[in-house]
Protein backbone atom coordinates (compact mmCIF):
# COMPACT_ATOMS: atom_id res chain seq x y z
CA MET A 1 10.52 233.22 151.78
CA ASN A 2 9.08 234.02 148.23
CA LEU A 3 8.82 237.56 147.39
CA SER A 4 7.29 239.06 144.21
CA ARG A 5 9.15 241.30 141.91
CA ARG A 6 7.21 244.28 143.32
CA GLU A 7 7.97 243.62 146.83
CA ILE A 8 11.71 243.45 145.99
CA HIS A 9 11.54 246.53 144.40
CA ILE A 10 9.66 248.36 147.38
CA LEU A 11 12.84 247.15 149.60
CA LEU A 12 15.37 248.37 147.04
CA LEU A 13 13.74 251.70 147.01
CA HIS A 14 13.82 251.70 150.75
CA GLU A 15 17.48 251.00 150.80
CA PHE A 16 18.12 253.59 148.20
CA ARG A 17 16.46 256.08 150.22
CA LEU A 18 18.44 255.12 153.35
CA GLY A 19 21.42 256.29 151.26
CA HIS A 20 22.96 252.48 150.91
CA LYS A 21 24.86 251.56 148.06
CA ALA A 22 23.51 248.86 145.55
CA THR A 23 25.77 246.30 146.90
CA GLU A 24 24.98 246.83 150.15
CA ALA A 25 21.43 246.77 149.62
CA ALA A 26 21.50 243.76 147.95
CA ASN A 27 23.74 241.75 150.63
CA ASN A 28 21.18 243.15 153.18
CA ILE A 29 18.10 241.96 151.16
CA CYS A 30 19.37 238.58 150.77
CA SER A 31 20.62 238.11 154.30
CA MET A 32 17.03 239.27 155.66
CA MET A 33 15.05 237.34 153.32
CA GLY A 34 17.36 234.43 153.06
CA GLY A 35 18.70 232.93 149.84
CA ASP A 36 19.69 234.49 146.86
CA VAL A 37 16.37 236.43 146.18
CA LEU A 38 18.36 239.39 144.61
CA SER A 39 21.41 239.76 142.37
CA ILE A 40 23.97 242.49 142.91
CA ARG A 41 23.45 243.70 139.16
CA THR A 42 19.75 243.76 139.42
CA ALA A 43 19.93 245.97 142.35
CA GLN A 44 22.57 248.11 140.47
CA HIS A 45 19.93 248.56 137.68
CA TRP A 46 17.22 249.53 139.99
CA PHE A 47 19.50 252.01 141.90
CA ASN A 48 20.52 253.60 138.30
CA ARG A 49 16.61 254.09 137.69
CA PHE A 50 16.07 255.77 141.26
CA LYS A 51 18.96 257.95 140.55
CA ASN A 52 17.64 259.05 137.20
CA GLY A 53 14.58 260.18 139.01
CA ASN A 54 12.31 257.29 138.09
CA LEU A 55 10.73 255.61 141.02
CA GLU A 56 8.34 253.33 139.37
CA LEU A 57 8.19 249.98 140.84
CA ASP A 58 7.08 248.19 137.81
CA ASP A 59 9.18 246.51 135.10
CA LEU A 60 9.49 248.29 132.07
CA PRO A 61 7.74 246.47 128.99
CA ARG A 62 10.21 244.66 127.07
CA SER A 63 10.66 245.26 123.39
CA GLY A 64 11.01 242.41 120.97
CA ARG A 65 8.60 239.75 119.68
CA PRO A 66 5.95 238.41 121.39
CA LEU A 67 5.63 234.96 122.79
CA GLU A 68 1.74 234.57 121.65
CA VAL A 69 1.59 232.36 118.60
CA ASP A 70 -1.54 231.67 116.43
CA LEU A 71 -1.59 227.86 116.48
CA ASP A 72 -4.00 227.77 113.81
CA LEU A 73 -2.05 229.91 111.35
CA LEU A 74 1.17 227.75 112.74
CA GLN A 75 -0.72 224.53 111.77
CA GLN A 76 -1.82 225.82 108.07
CA LEU A 77 1.62 227.17 107.36
CA ILE A 78 3.54 223.65 108.22
CA GLU A 79 0.57 221.85 106.35
CA GLN A 80 1.41 223.96 103.31
CA ASP A 81 4.98 223.45 103.33
CA PRO A 82 6.45 221.54 105.97
CA ARG A 83 10.20 222.14 105.27
CA LEU A 84 9.62 225.63 106.59
CA THR A 85 12.15 226.39 109.31
CA SER A 86 11.14 227.78 112.92
CA ARG A 87 13.00 231.10 111.88
CA CYS A 88 10.92 231.30 108.73
CA LEU A 89 7.75 230.63 110.97
CA ALA A 90 8.54 232.94 113.20
CA GLU A 91 9.15 235.61 110.89
CA GLN A 92 5.39 235.09 109.14
CA LEU A 93 4.01 234.55 112.85
CA ARG A 94 5.72 237.76 113.99
CA CYS A 95 6.98 235.79 117.16
CA SER A 96 10.43 234.34 118.40
CA HIS A 97 11.47 231.34 117.03
CA THR A 98 11.96 229.60 120.26
CA ALA A 99 8.16 230.17 121.01
CA VAL A 100 7.41 228.39 117.58
CA GLU A 101 9.59 225.54 118.37
CA LYS A 102 7.81 225.22 121.97
CA HIS A 103 4.39 225.01 120.24
CA LEU A 104 5.51 222.38 117.25
CA ASN A 105 6.92 220.37 120.04
CA GLY A 106 3.68 220.34 121.82
CA LEU A 107 1.88 219.30 118.60
CA GLY A 108 4.17 216.41 118.36
CA LYS A 109 5.98 217.73 115.34
CA THR A 110 9.97 216.73 115.11
CA TRP A 111 12.23 218.40 112.68
CA ARG A 112 13.78 215.58 110.41
CA TYR A 113 14.41 214.42 107.12
CA GLY A 114 12.24 212.77 104.72
CA VAL A 115 12.58 209.55 103.04
CA TRP A 116 14.72 209.32 100.15
CA ILE A 117 13.08 207.88 96.99
CA PRO A 118 14.76 206.18 93.85
CA HIS A 119 13.66 208.84 91.39
CA GLU A 120 10.76 211.60 91.02
CA LEU A 121 7.64 210.25 89.22
CA SER A 122 6.17 212.20 86.37
CA PRO A 123 2.62 213.66 86.53
CA TYR A 124 1.81 210.69 83.66
CA GLN A 125 3.49 208.05 85.90
CA LEU A 126 1.60 209.03 88.93
CA GLN A 127 -1.76 208.89 87.13
CA TYR A 128 -0.96 205.47 85.85
CA ARG A 129 -0.49 204.02 89.10
CA VAL A 130 -3.69 205.37 90.12
CA ASP A 131 -5.32 204.07 87.31
CA ALA A 132 -3.81 200.41 87.82
CA CYS A 133 -4.98 200.74 91.70
CA MET A 134 -8.53 201.83 90.75
CA ASP A 135 -8.51 198.59 88.21
CA LEU A 136 -7.60 196.41 90.74
CA ILE A 137 -10.04 197.62 93.02
CA THR A 138 -12.54 197.24 90.49
CA SER A 139 -11.75 193.73 89.61
CA HIS A 140 -11.80 192.66 93.34
CA ARG A 141 -15.47 193.32 93.78
CA ASN A 142 -16.18 190.88 91.02
CA TYR A 143 -13.23 188.46 91.92
CA GLN A 144 -11.72 188.20 95.23
CA TRP A 145 -8.20 187.78 93.53
CA LEU A 146 -6.31 188.98 96.62
CA ARG A 147 -7.16 185.74 98.38
CA ASN A 148 -5.22 183.88 95.49
CA LEU A 149 -2.48 186.54 95.76
CA ILE A 150 0.88 184.71 97.39
CA THR A 151 4.05 186.62 97.86
CA GLY A 152 7.47 185.92 99.36
CA ASP A 153 10.68 187.16 100.73
CA GLU A 154 14.10 186.36 102.24
CA LYS A 155 15.89 187.45 105.29
CA TRP A 156 19.12 186.78 106.88
CA VAL A 157 18.56 185.58 110.72
CA LEU A 158 21.22 185.47 113.43
CA TYR A 159 21.54 182.97 115.70
CA VAL A 160 22.44 185.15 118.51
CA ASN A 161 20.90 188.58 118.08
CA TYR A 162 22.02 191.01 121.05
CA LYS A 163 19.89 193.80 121.74
CA HIS A 164 21.00 196.85 123.76
CA ARG A 165 18.59 198.18 125.79
CA ARG A 166 18.02 201.11 128.11
CA GLN A 167 18.33 200.43 131.84
CA TRP A 168 17.37 202.53 134.98
CA LEU A 169 20.56 203.05 136.75
CA SER A 170 22.02 205.24 139.66
CA PRO A 171 24.99 207.38 139.64
CA GLY A 172 28.07 205.48 138.93
CA GLN A 173 26.30 202.41 138.39
CA THR A 174 27.54 200.80 135.02
CA GLY A 175 24.44 198.28 134.47
CA VAL A 176 24.24 194.99 132.73
CA ALA A 177 26.47 194.62 129.72
CA THR A 178 25.70 193.76 125.94
CA PRO A 179 28.19 192.05 124.05
CA LYS A 180 29.02 193.64 120.67
CA ALA A 181 28.12 191.39 117.78
CA ASP A 182 30.90 189.68 116.06
CA LEU A 183 32.17 191.13 112.73
CA HIS A 184 31.17 187.96 110.62
CA PRO A 185 28.08 186.39 113.08
CA LYS A 186 26.66 183.24 112.35
CA LYS A 187 23.33 183.44 110.21
CA VAL A 188 20.85 181.68 108.06
CA MET A 189 18.63 182.72 105.14
CA LEU A 190 14.89 182.51 106.27
CA SER A 191 12.71 182.16 103.26
CA VAL A 192 8.77 183.18 104.26
CA TRP A 193 5.59 182.84 101.88
CA TRP A 194 2.38 184.44 103.01
CA GLY A 195 -0.86 185.21 101.60
CA VAL A 196 -4.14 187.52 102.83
CA ASN A 197 -4.79 184.79 105.80
CA GLY A 198 -0.98 184.78 107.21
CA ILE A 199 2.06 182.64 106.73
CA ILE A 200 1.92 179.67 104.40
CA HIS A 201 5.24 178.16 104.26
CA TRP A 202 8.57 179.01 106.00
CA GLU A 203 12.04 177.51 105.54
CA VAL A 204 15.34 177.78 106.61
CA LEU A 205 17.47 177.68 103.28
CA PRO A 206 20.70 175.46 103.46
CA ASN A 207 24.05 177.12 103.49
CA GLY A 208 25.38 178.22 100.03
CA CYS A 209 22.04 178.33 98.80
CA THR A 210 21.53 180.60 95.95
CA ILE A 211 18.02 182.10 95.03
CA THR A 212 16.70 181.53 91.80
CA ALA A 213 13.65 181.09 89.99
CA ASP A 214 14.30 177.58 90.17
CA LEU A 215 14.37 177.24 93.98
CA TYR A 216 11.11 179.30 94.08
CA CYS A 217 9.32 176.74 91.54
């Protein structure tokens, strides 16, 4: 039987007026209602309130930070500085950090590192790249140079590529085993060339072949 908190408090007050101890009252209520609807510690807390003359049955308002979060302000703060921790955000929003983490998860945010870059670009270098891109876009309007652009790359390809996949298993079930890759697996070098319309040419290079300008030409 599901009882509200106020109904449990009424039963505790009844047990208190009967002259029962807190432990006895908790056992009586649990045996009558079934299950662990009340702990002995909670019964002792309410009996202490009754002994002090406080017969109010409602919970006292709790101190601490509220759980409500201003989602618009939270979104604005992480857009301004995505490196703010949940505790820093909680201080600015005047709420608990657990509430902040809950709402950040609801927004699809995850706490992870950004990518490494070779070096930080100066304002001049950034502007130079922007100017170069604008020149290329302008040139493309007059001459479709992208259609004549061909690029290529190489990649090692394993003969056998084991993939370790998750499985739905029952308790105690081991599932389908996946062998570990060899320390020196057999592999070949794949060279691929492509343009705007897709792959133009691919080739498996001979063993021991060195990638040089002569090979490309």
